Amino acid sequence: MIEIGRTILSDDVFEKHFVCDILKCKGACCIEGDSGAPLTDDEAMMIELEYSNFENYLPEKHIREVEKQGFSVIDSDGDLVTPLVDNRQCAFSFYDERGILKCAIEKAYFEGKSKFRKPISCHLFPIRITEYKRFDAVNYQELEICKPGRECGTSQKIPLYKFLKEPLIKKYGADWYAQVELAAEHLDRQK
């Protein structure tokens, strides 16, 4: 484990290779799991404020679920998360013409219709952050659905922390990420 600022990163963040291969996994991370994507209070507010900018990408069934459940819900663990459709699929997702599950929030962002890209928990996946009083635990969540991403990352020799550079900087800042890179160099020299 590596301590940087108020974060503790598991060795997997440096040692595991990963590049999302959405053509193979078909966006399974938007449908697999026990509850919706974790949200901050600010993200829940942004989803509500930006909803009209991405609502038209959602299937009618998803729109009805959002109307029924709201823009965010509290799951069985007491965490704020995105609502689900049929207790599985994120309500803010849709299937594209290739059968790949995509994020409607992110689609609106890339089309310049929204300033909010998507929840940081989604952007960082498969890294999961657990916030404690004195530190954040930054861990890799290895799931079977991400096997294509591990294979793709291994073939390209891209460590997880490099693949997730943008969302890690968004979460913790460029100075923090520069320390992650220094830690990675140090670990490489030790091998």
C-alpha atoms as a PDB file:
ATOM      1  CA  MET A   1       0.000   0.000   0.000  1.00  0.00           C
ATOM      2  CA  ILE A   2       1.151   3.494  -0.816  1.00  0.00           C
ATOM      3  CA  GLU A   3       0.164   6.578   1.186  1.00  0.00           C
ATOM      4  CA  ILE A   4      -0.146   9.835  -0.737  1.00  0.00           C
ATOM      5  CA  GLY A   5      -1.661  12.823   1.016  1.00  0.00           C
ATOM      6  CA  ARG A   6      -4.835  11.646   2.691  1.00  0.00           C
ATOM      7  CA  THR A   7      -5.156   8.593   0.423  1.00  0.00           C
ATOM      8  CA  ILE A   8      -3.937   5.035   0.754  1.00  0.00           C
ATOM      9  CA  LEU A   9      -3.632   3.254  -2.593  1.00  0.00           C
ATOM     10  CA  SER A  10      -3.559  -0.518  -2.889  1.00  0.00           C
ATOM     11  CA  ASP A  11      -0.625  -1.999  -4.781  1.00  0.00           C
ATOM     12  CA  ASP A  12      -3.109  -3.225  -7.412  1.00  0.00           C
ATOM     13  CA  VAL A  13      -3.618   0.357  -8.610  1.00  0.00           C
ATOM     14  CA  PHE A  14       0.030   0.313  -9.727  1.00  0.00           C
ATOM     15  CA  GLU A  15       0.499  -3.354 -10.601  1.00  0.00           C
ATOM     16  CA  LYS A  16      -2.689  -4.339 -12.434  1.00  0.00           C
ATOM     17  CA  HIS A  17      -3.098  -3.518 -16.103  1.00  0.00           C
ATOM     18  CA  PHE A  18      -6.411  -2.255 -17.444  1.00  0.00           C
ATOM     19  CA  VAL A  19      -7.968  -0.575 -20.476  1.00  0.00           C
ATOM     20  CA  CYS A  20     -11.742  -0.675 -20.764  1.00  0.00           C
ATOM     21  CA  ASP A  21     -12.794  -2.794 -23.750  1.00  0.00           C
ATOM     22  CA  ILE A  22     -16.412  -1.735 -24.130  1.00  0.00           C
ATOM     23  CA  LEU A  23     -16.821  -3.592 -27.421  1.00  0.00           C
ATOM     24  CA  LYS A  24     -16.347  -6.849 -25.504  1.00  0.00           C
ATOM     25  CA  CYS A  25     -17.922  -6.091 -22.104  1.00  0.00           C
ATOM     26  CA  LYS A  26     -20.844  -4.169 -23.682  1.00  0.00           C
ATOM     27  CA  GLY A  27     -20.999  -1.747 -20.729  1.00  0.00           C
ATOM     28  CA  ALA A  28     -21.728  -4.443 -18.154  1.00  0.00           C
ATOM     29  CA  CYS A  29     -20.645  -2.148 -15.293  1.00  0.00           C
ATOM     30  CA  CYS A  30     -23.880  -0.157 -15.816  1.00  0.00           C
ATOM     31  CA  ILE A  31     -26.021  -3.230 -15.162  1.00  0.00           C
ATOM     32  CA  GLU A  32     -24.069  -5.453 -12.753  1.00  0.00           C
ATOM     33  CA  GLY A  33     -23.922  -4.891  -9.011  1.00  0.00           C
ATOM     34  CA  ASP A  34     -26.010  -4.706  -5.875  1.00  0.00           C
ATOM     35  CA  SER A  35     -27.140  -1.102  -6.241  1.00  0.00           C
ATOM     36  CA  GLY A  36     -26.749   1.988  -8.385  1.00  0.00           C
ATOM     37  CA  ALA A  37     -23.583   4.008  -8.866  1.00  0.00           C
ATOM     38  CA  PRO A  38     -22.408   5.781  -5.710  1.00  0.00           C
ATOM     39  CA  LEU A  39     -23.073   9.532  -5.746  1.00  0.00           C
ATOM     40  CA  THR A  40     -21.938  12.543  -3.787  1.00  0.00           C
ATOM     41  CA  ASP A  41     -24.582  15.054  -2.695  1.00  0.00           C
ATOM     42  CA  ASP A  42     -23.244  17.485  -5.315  1.00  0.00           C
ATOM     43  CA  GLU A  43     -23.488  14.854  -8.059  1.00  0.00           C
ATOM     44  CA  ALA A  44     -27.082  14.041  -7.117  1.00  0.00           C
ATOM     45  CA  MET A  45     -27.884  17.743  -7.389  1.00  0.00           C
ATOM     46  CA  MET A  46     -26.083  18.008 -10.758  1.00  0.00           C
ATOM     47  CA  ILE A  47     -28.029  15.046 -12.140  1.00  0.00           C
ATOM     48  CA  GLU A  48     -31.278  16.720 -11.151  1.00  0.00           C
ATOM     49  CA  LEU A  49     -30.193  20.069 -12.631  1.00  0.00           C
ATOM     50  CA  GLU A  50     -28.908  18.520 -15.877  1.00  0.00           C
ATOM     51  CA  TYR A  51     -31.613  15.870 -16.315  1.00  0.00           C
ATOM     52  CA  SER A  52     -33.455  17.747 -19.065  1.00  0.00           C
ATOM     53  CA  ASN A  53     -30.198  17.759 -21.085  1.00  0.00           C
ATOM     54  CA  PHE A  54     -29.953  13.954 -21.236  1.00  0.00           C
ATOM     55  CA  GLU A  55     -33.504  12.716 -20.631  1.00  0.00           C
ATOM     56  CA  ASN A  56     -34.185  12.353 -24.362  1.00  0.00           C
ATOM     57  CA  TYR A  57     -31.501   9.619 -24.609  1.00  0.00           C
ATOM     58  CA  LEU A  58     -33.272   7.439 -22.053  1.00  0.00           C
ATOM     59  CA  PRO A  59     -35.776   4.694 -22.850  1.00  0.00           C
ATOM     60  CA  GLU A  60     -39.335   5.471 -21.731  1.00  0.00           C
ATOM     61  CA  LYS A  61     -39.161   2.791 -19.033  1.00  0.00           C
ATOM     62  CA  HIS A  62     -36.124   4.528 -17.517  1.00  0.00           C
ATOM     63  CA  ILE A  63     -37.842   7.912 -17.566  1.00  0.00           C
ATOM     64  CA  ARG A  64     -40.794   6.415 -15.690  1.00  0.00           C
ATOM     65  CA  GLU A  65     -38.442   4.913 -13.087  1.00  0.00           C
ATOM     66  CA  VAL A  66     -36.718   8.264 -12.557  1.00  0.00           C
ATOM     67  CA  GLU A  67     -40.126   9.916 -12.158  1.00  0.00           C
ATOM     68  CA  LYS A  68     -41.093   7.237  -9.638  1.00  0.00           C
ATOM     69  CA  GLN A  69     -37.821   6.887  -7.676  1.00  0.00           C
ATOM     70  CA  GLY A  70     -36.239  10.301  -8.111  1.00  0.00           C
ATOM     71  CA  PHE A  71     -32.835  11.364  -9.409  1.00  0.00           C
ATOM     72  CA  SER A  72     -31.033   9.535  -6.607  1.00  0.00           C
ATOM     73  CA  VAL A  73     -31.948   6.965  -3.958  1.00  0.00           C
ATOM     74  CA  ILE A  74     -30.557   5.595  -0.714  1.00  0.00           C
ATOM     75  CA  ASP A  75     -29.549   1.940  -1.088  1.00  0.00           C
ATOM     76  CA  SER A  76     -29.726  -0.839   1.516  1.00  0.00           C
ATOM     77  CA  ASP A  77     -26.296   0.179   2.874  1.00  0.00           C
ATOM     78  CA  GLY A  78     -27.503   3.739   3.425  1.00  0.00           C
ATOM     79  CA  ASP A  79     -25.473   5.132   0.508  1.00  0.00           C
ATOM     80  CA  LEU A  80     -26.663   7.699  -2.029  1.00  0.00           C
ATOM     81  CA  VAL A  81     -26.769   6.030  -5.466  1.00  0.00           C
ATOM     82  CA  THR A  82     -28.347   6.267  -8.906  1.00  0.00           C
ATOM     83  CA  PRO A  83     -31.784   4.661  -9.280  1.00  0.00           C
ATOM     84  CA  LEU A  84     -32.042   1.292 -11.024  1.00  0.00           C
ATOM     85  CA  VAL A  85     -34.454  -0.186 -13.535  1.00  0.00           C
ATOM     86  CA  ASP A  86     -35.645  -3.698 -12.612  1.00  0.00           C
ATOM     87  CA  ASN A  87     -33.160  -3.641  -9.696  1.00  0.00           C
ATOM     88  CA  ARG A  88     -30.295  -4.042 -12.197  1.00  0.00           C
ATOM     89  CA  GLN A  89     -29.632  -1.412 -14.846  1.00  0.00           C
ATOM     90  CA  CYS A  90     -28.711   2.181 -14.035  1.00  0.00           C
ATOM     91  CA  ALA A  91     -31.709   4.359 -14.859  1.00  0.00           C
ATOM     92  CA  PHE A  92     -29.421   6.827 -16.644  1.00  0.00           C
ATOM     93  CA  SER A  93     -28.178   4.267 -19.182  1.00  0.00           C
ATOM     94  CA  PHE A  94     -29.328   3.254 -22.655  1.00  0.00           C
ATOM     95  CA  TYR A  95     -28.344   0.730 -25.326  1.00  0.00           C
ATOM     96  CA  ASP A  96     -26.754   2.120 -28.472  1.00  0.00           C
ATOM     97  CA  GLU A  97     -27.251   0.696 -31.971  1.00  0.00           C
ATOM     98  CA  ARG A  98     -24.493  -1.900 -31.349  1.00  0.00           C
ATOM     99  CA  GLY A  99     -26.110  -3.190 -28.163  1.00  0.00           C
ATOM    100  CA  ILE A 100     -23.588  -1.484 -25.898  1.00  0.00           C
ATOM    101  CA  LEU A 101     -24.870  -0.009 -22.662  1.00  0.00           C
ATOM    102  CA  LYS A 102     -23.914   3.665 -22.453  1.00  0.00           C
ATOM    103  CA  CYS A 103     -24.363   6.575 -20.064  1.00  0.00           C
ATOM    104  CA  ALA A 104     -26.928   9.165 -21.148  1.00  0.00           C
ATOM    105  CA  ILE A 105     -25.328  11.755 -18.863  1.00  0.00           C
ATOM    106  CA  GLU A 106     -21.960  11.290 -20.570  1.00  0.00           C
ATOM    107  CA  LYS A 107     -23.519  11.330 -24.043  1.00  0.00           C
ATOM    108  CA  ALA A 108     -25.008  14.766 -23.328  1.00  0.00           C
ATOM    109  CA  TYR A 109     -21.639  15.936 -22.003  1.00  0.00           C
ATOM    110  CA  PHE A 110     -19.765  14.838 -25.149  1.00  0.00           C
ATOM    111  CA  GLU A 111     -22.399  16.479 -27.318  1.00  0.00           C
ATOM    112  CA  GLY A 112     -21.899  19.772 -25.477  1.00  0.00           C
ATOM    113  CA  LYS A 113     -25.382  19.707 -23.924  1.00  0.00           C
ATOM    114  CA  SER A 114     -24.226  19.336 -20.301  1.00  0.00           C
ATOM    115  CA  LYS A 115     -21.338  20.473 -18.119  1.00  0.00           C
ATOM    116  CA  PHE A 116     -21.545  17.344 -15.950  1.00  0.00           C
ATOM    117  CA  ARG A 117     -19.744  14.302 -17.402  1.00  0.00           C
ATOM    118  CA  LYS A 118     -20.893  11.530 -15.032  1.00  0.00           C
ATOM    119  CA  PRO A 119     -20.514  10.488 -11.392  1.00  0.00           C
ATOM    120  CA  ILE A 120     -16.883  10.164 -10.348  1.00  0.00           C
ATOM    121  CA  SER A 121     -17.562   6.612  -9.127  1.00  0.00           C
ATOM    122  CA  CYS A 122     -18.436   5.665 -12.715  1.00  0.00           C
ATOM    123  CA  HIS A 123     -15.515   7.570 -14.206  1.00  0.00           C
ATOM    124  CA  LEU A 124     -13.073   5.864 -11.811  1.00  0.00           C
ATOM    125  CA  PHE A 125     -14.442   2.333 -12.224  1.00  0.00           C
ATOM    126  CA  PRO A 126     -12.950  -0.264 -11.607  1.00  0.00           C
ATOM    127  CA  ILE A 127     -11.264   1.769  -8.881  1.00  0.00           C
ATOM    128  CA  ARG A 128     -13.474   2.113  -5.828  1.00  0.00           C
ATOM    129  CA  ILE A 129     -12.857   4.722  -3.169  1.00  0.00           C
ATOM    130  CA  THR A 130     -13.927   4.225   0.414  1.00  0.00           C
ATOM    131  CA  GLU A 131     -13.876   7.446   2.394  1.00  0.00           C
ATOM    132  CA  TYR A 132     -12.922   7.184   6.050  1.00  0.00           C
ATOM    133  CA  LYS A 133     -12.600   9.956   8.601  1.00  0.00           C
ATOM    134  CA  ARG A 134      -8.837  10.364   8.179  1.00  0.00           C
ATOM    135  CA  PHE A 135      -8.126   8.932   4.729  1.00  0.00           C
ATOM    136  CA  ASP A 136      -9.554   7.599   1.480  1.00  0.00           C
ATOM    137  CA  ALA A 137      -8.838   3.974   0.551  1.00  0.00           C
ATOM    138  CA  VAL A 138      -8.219   3.717  -3.202  1.00  0.00           C
ATOM    139  CA  ASN A 139      -8.687   0.102  -4.295  1.00  0.00           C
ATOM    140  CA  TYR A 140      -9.032  -1.881  -7.486  1.00  0.00           C
ATOM    141  CA  GLN A 141     -12.263  -3.879  -7.625  1.00  0.00           C
ATOM    142  CA  GLU A 142     -11.512  -6.936  -9.767  1.00  0.00           C
ATOM    143  CA  LEU A 143     -14.723  -8.233 -11.316  1.00  0.00           C
ATOM    144  CA  GLU A 144     -15.329 -10.958 -13.878  1.00  0.00           C
ATOM    145  CA  ILE A 145     -17.231  -8.502 -16.120  1.00  0.00           C
ATOM    146  CA  CYS A 146     -13.985  -6.553 -16.551  1.00  0.00           C
ATOM    147  CA  LYS A 147     -11.910  -9.495 -17.795  1.00  0.00           C
ATOM    148  CA  PRO A 148     -11.759  -7.951 -21.320  1.00  0.00           C
ATOM    149  CA  GLY A 149     -10.386  -4.743 -19.775  1.00  0.00           C
ATOM    150  CA  ARG A 150      -7.668  -6.646 -17.942  1.00  0.00           C
ATOM    151  CA  GLU A 151      -6.727  -8.501 -21.134  1.00  0.00           C
ATOM    152  CA  CYS A 152      -6.675  -5.273 -23.146  1.00  0.00           C
ATOM    153  CA  GLY A 153      -4.607  -3.462 -20.489  1.00  0.00           C
ATOM    154  CA  THR A 154      -2.149  -6.342 -20.253  1.00  0.00           C
ATOM    155  CA  SER A 155      -1.675  -6.497 -24.026  1.00  0.00           C
ATOM    156  CA  GLN A 156      -1.074  -2.717 -24.127  1.00  0.00           C
ATOM    157  CA  LYS A 157       0.969  -2.744 -20.876  1.00  0.00           C
ATOM    158  CA  ILE A 158      -1.082   0.099 -19.369  1.00  0.00           C
ATOM    159  CA  PRO A 159      -1.295   0.162 -15.571  1.00  0.00           C
ATOM    160  CA  LEU A 160      -4.644   0.977 -13.984  1.00  0.00           C
ATOM    161  CA  TYR A 161      -3.450   4.324 -12.573  1.00  0.00           C
ATOM    162  CA  LYS A 162      -2.439   5.480 -16.083  1.00  0.00           C
ATOM    163  CA  PHE A 163      -5.705   4.376 -17.678  1.00  0.00           C
ATOM    164  CA  LEU A 164      -7.633   6.318 -15.028  1.00  0.00           C
ATOM    165  CA  LYS A 165      -5.380   9.403 -15.020  1.00  0.00           C
ATOM    166  CA  GLU A 166      -8.145  11.853 -15.969  1.00  0.00           C
ATOM    167  CA  PRO A 167     -10.679  10.862 -13.285  1.00  0.00           C
ATOM    168  CA  LEU A 168      -7.947  10.482 -10.643  1.00  0.00           C
ATOM    169  CA  ILE A 169      -6.835  14.060 -11.360  1.00  0.00           C
ATOM    170  CA  LYS A 170     -10.463  15.172 -11.302  1.00  0.00           C
ATOM    171  CA  LYS A 171     -10.897  13.576  -7.866  1.00  0.00           C
ATOM    172  CA  TYR A 172      -7.588  14.455  -6.192  1.00  0.00           C
ATOM    173  CA  GLY A 173      -5.792  17.032  -8.377  1.00  0.00           C
ATOM    174  CA  ALA A 174      -2.748  17.174 -10.653  1.00  0.00           C
ATOM    175  CA  ASP A 175      -0.221  17.537  -7.809  1.00  0.00           C
ATOM    176  CA  TRP A 176      -1.558  14.404  -6.127  1.00  0.00           C
ATOM    177  CA  TYR A 177      -1.394  12.500  -9.435  1.00  0.00           C
ATOM    178  CA  ALA A 178       2.217  13.630  -9.960  1.00  0.00           C
ATOM    179  CA  GLN A 179       3.010  11.973  -6.616  1.00  0.00           C
ATOM    180  CA  VAL A 180       1.279   8.800  -7.848  1.00  0.00           C
ATOM    181  CA  GLU A 181       3.572   8.810 -10.888  1.00  0.00           C
ATOM    182  CA  LEU A 182       6.637   9.262  -8.653  1.00  0.00           C
ATOM    183  CA  ALA A 183       5.470   6.373  -6.462  1.00  0.00           C
ATOM    184  CA  ALA A 184       5.013   4.206  -9.574  1.00  0.00           C
ATOM    185  CA  GLU A 185       8.557   5.027 -10.750  1.00  0.00           C
ATOM    186  CA  HIS A 186       9.889   4.131  -7.305  1.00  0.00           C
ATOM    187  CA  LEU A 187       8.008   0.806  -7.342  1.00  0.00           C
ATOM    188  CA  ASP A 188       9.343   0.029 -10.851  1.00  0.00           C
ATOM    189  CA  ARG A 189      12.935   0.656  -9.710  1.00  0.00           C
ATOM    190  CA  GLN A 190      12.436  -1.734  -6.782  1.00  0.00           C
ATOM    191  CA  LYS A 191      11.481  -4.611  -9.091  1.00  0.00           C
END
